[in-house]
Amino acid sequence: MAVNFENLIKQIVTPLVSHPEDVLVKTLSDEGKELAIQVLVNEEDLGRVIGKGGKIASAIRTIVYAGASKEGVRVRIDIDAF
């Protein structure tokens, strides 16, 4: 069963933000066993997604990495604002 990482990340991030319509998750590169995923949120919500000391961003990465390890894939997540 393949994991849809874009959908997983969007489902995690959307409840955290004040502007859920601005959440954009896209795959930048898919090179076989490595994925680069970019998460874009409203500038006002960036702090909510990263969290104090990066704890929320780290938790998001941990969840995604757990799914990726079962698939044998490496995932890099970049969180940014627009």
C-alpha atoms as a PDB file:
ATOM      1  CA  MET A   1       0.000   0.000   0.000  1.00  0.00           C
ATOM      2  CA  ALA A   2       1.593   3.261  -1.146  1.00  0.00           C
ATOM      3  CA  VAL A   3       1.492   6.276   1.129  1.00  0.00           C
ATOM      4  CA  ASN A   4       0.360   9.580  -0.384  1.00  0.00           C
ATOM      5  CA  PHE A   5       2.794  11.850   1.457  1.00  0.00           C
ATOM      6  CA  GLU A   6       1.299  15.078   0.084  1.00  0.00           C
ATOM      7  CA  ASN A   7      -2.145  14.149   1.405  1.00  0.00           C
ATOM      8  CA  LEU A   8      -0.741  12.980   4.755  1.00  0.00           C
ATOM      9  CA  ILE A   9       1.156  16.233   5.328  1.00  0.00           C
ATOM     10  CA  LYS A  10      -1.825  18.352   4.256  1.00  0.00           C
ATOM     11  CA  GLN A  11      -4.103  16.502   6.698  1.00  0.00           C
ATOM     12  CA  ILE A  12      -1.630  17.131   9.528  1.00  0.00           C
ATOM     13  CA  VAL A  13      -0.939  20.802   8.744  1.00  0.00           C
ATOM     14  CA  THR A  14      -4.437  22.059   7.837  1.00  0.00           C
ATOM     15  CA  PRO A  15      -5.931  21.894  11.374  1.00  0.00           C
ATOM     16  CA  LEU A  16      -2.925  23.789  12.766  1.00  0.00           C
ATOM     17  CA  VAL A  17      -3.335  26.963  10.696  1.00  0.00           C
ATOM     18  CA  SER A  18      -5.708  29.942  10.692  1.00  0.00           C
ATOM     19  CA  HIS A  19      -5.821  30.072   6.903  1.00  0.00           C
ATOM     20  CA  PRO A  20      -6.383  26.444   5.801  1.00  0.00           C
ATOM     21  CA  GLU A  21      -7.215  27.547   2.255  1.00  0.00           C
ATOM     22  CA  ASP A  22      -3.609  28.754   1.864  1.00  0.00           C
ATOM     23  CA  VAL A  23      -1.976  25.394   2.664  1.00  0.00           C
ATOM     24  CA  LEU A  24      -0.131  24.086  -0.377  1.00  0.00           C
ATOM     25  CA  VAL A  25       1.802  20.811  -0.367  1.00  0.00           C
ATOM     26  CA  LYS A  26       3.677  19.786  -3.488  1.00  0.00           C
ATOM     27  CA  THR A  27       6.339  17.298  -4.468  1.00  0.00           C
ATOM     28  CA  LEU A  28       9.372  19.086  -5.883  1.00  0.00           C
ATOM     29  CA  SER A  29      11.353  16.035  -6.915  1.00  0.00           C
ATOM     30  CA  ASP A  30      10.634  12.348  -7.035  1.00  0.00           C
ATOM     31  CA  GLU A  31      13.867  10.522  -7.746  1.00  0.00           C
ATOM     32  CA  GLY A  32      12.976   6.904  -7.123  1.00  0.00           C
ATOM     33  CA  LYS A  33      13.705   6.354  -3.456  1.00  0.00           C
ATOM     34  CA  GLU A  34      13.959  10.050  -2.507  1.00  0.00           C
ATOM     35  CA  LEU A  35      11.189  12.645  -2.316  1.00  0.00           C
ATOM     36  CA  ALA A  36      11.453  16.387  -1.739  1.00  0.00           C
ATOM     37  CA  ILE A  37       8.186  17.888  -0.527  1.00  0.00           C
ATOM     38  CA  GLN A  38       7.521  21.586  -0.026  1.00  0.00           C
ATOM     39  CA  VAL A  39       4.869  22.841   2.387  1.00  0.00           C
ATOM     40  CA  LEU A  40       3.737  26.426   1.826  1.00  0.00           C
ATOM     41  CA  VAL A  41       1.499  28.212   4.333  1.00  0.00           C
ATOM     42  CA  ASN A  42       0.324  31.758   4.899  1.00  0.00           C
ATOM     43  CA  GLU A  43       3.038  33.922   6.449  1.00  0.00           C
ATOM     44  CA  GLU A  44       0.886  34.398   9.577  1.00  0.00           C
ATOM     45  CA  ASP A  45       0.720  30.611  10.079  1.00  0.00           C
ATOM     46  CA  LEU A  46       4.392  29.775   9.648  1.00  0.00           C
ATOM     47  CA  GLY A  47       5.089  29.949  13.387  1.00  0.00           C
ATOM     48  CA  ARG A  48       2.159  27.651  14.120  1.00  0.00           C
ATOM     49  CA  VAL A  49       3.440  24.993  11.738  1.00  0.00           C
ATOM     50  CA  ILE A  50       7.065  25.192  12.891  1.00  0.00           C
ATOM     51  CA  GLY A  51       6.226  25.527  16.591  1.00  0.00           C
ATOM     52  CA  LYS A  52       8.331  26.685  19.489  1.00  0.00           C
ATOM     53  CA  GLY A  53      11.859  25.457  18.940  1.00  0.00           C
ATOM     54  CA  GLY A  54      10.717  23.579  15.827  1.00  0.00           C
ATOM     55  CA  LYS A  55       8.873  20.942  17.852  1.00  0.00           C
ATOM     56  CA  ILE A  56       5.758  20.768  15.658  1.00  0.00           C
ATOM     57  CA  ALA A  57       7.799  20.624  12.446  1.00  0.00           C
ATOM     58  CA  SER A  58       9.896  17.867  13.997  1.00  0.00           C
ATOM     59  CA  ALA A  59       6.762  15.920  14.960  1.00  0.00           C
ATOM     60  CA  ILE A  60       5.384  16.247  11.415  1.00  0.00           C
ATOM     61  CA  ARG A  61       8.674  14.995   9.995  1.00  0.00           C
ATOM     62  CA  THR A  62       8.721  12.063  12.432  1.00  0.00           C
ATOM     63  CA  ILE A  63       5.250  10.927  11.347  1.00  0.00           C
ATOM     64  CA  VAL A  64       6.098  11.218   7.656  1.00  0.00           C
ATOM     65  CA  TYR A  65       9.476   9.509   8.095  1.00  0.00           C
ATOM     66  CA  ALA A  66       7.759   6.586   9.836  1.00  0.00           C
ATOM     67  CA  GLY A  67       5.512   6.066   6.810  1.00  0.00           C
ATOM     68  CA  ALA A  68       8.430   6.557   4.453  1.00  0.00           C
ATOM     69  CA  SER A  69      10.574   3.954   6.195  1.00  0.00           C
ATOM     70  CA  LYS A  70       7.853   1.336   5.660  1.00  0.00           C
ATOM     71  CA  GLU A  71       7.896   2.217   1.947  1.00  0.00           C
ATOM     72  CA  GLY A  72      11.697   2.256   1.733  1.00  0.00           C
ATOM     73  CA  VAL A  73      11.691   5.923   0.711  1.00  0.00           C
ATOM     74  CA  ARG A  74      13.571   8.961   2.052  1.00  0.00           C
ATOM     75  CA  VAL A  75      11.529  12.151   2.367  1.00  0.00           C
ATOM     76  CA  ARG A  76      12.796  15.722   2.800  1.00  0.00           C
ATOM     77  CA  ILE A  77      10.227  18.278   3.931  1.00  0.00           C
ATOM     78  CA  ASP A  78      10.740  22.026   3.481  1.00  0.00           C
ATOM     79  CA  ILE A  79       8.304  24.326   5.309  1.00  0.00           C
ATOM     80  CA  ASP A  80       8.016  27.894   4.076  1.00  0.00           C
ATOM     81  CA  ALA A  81       5.586  30.808   3.774  1.00  0.00           C
ATOM     82  CA  PHE A  82       4.419  32.802   0.768  1.00  0.00           C
END
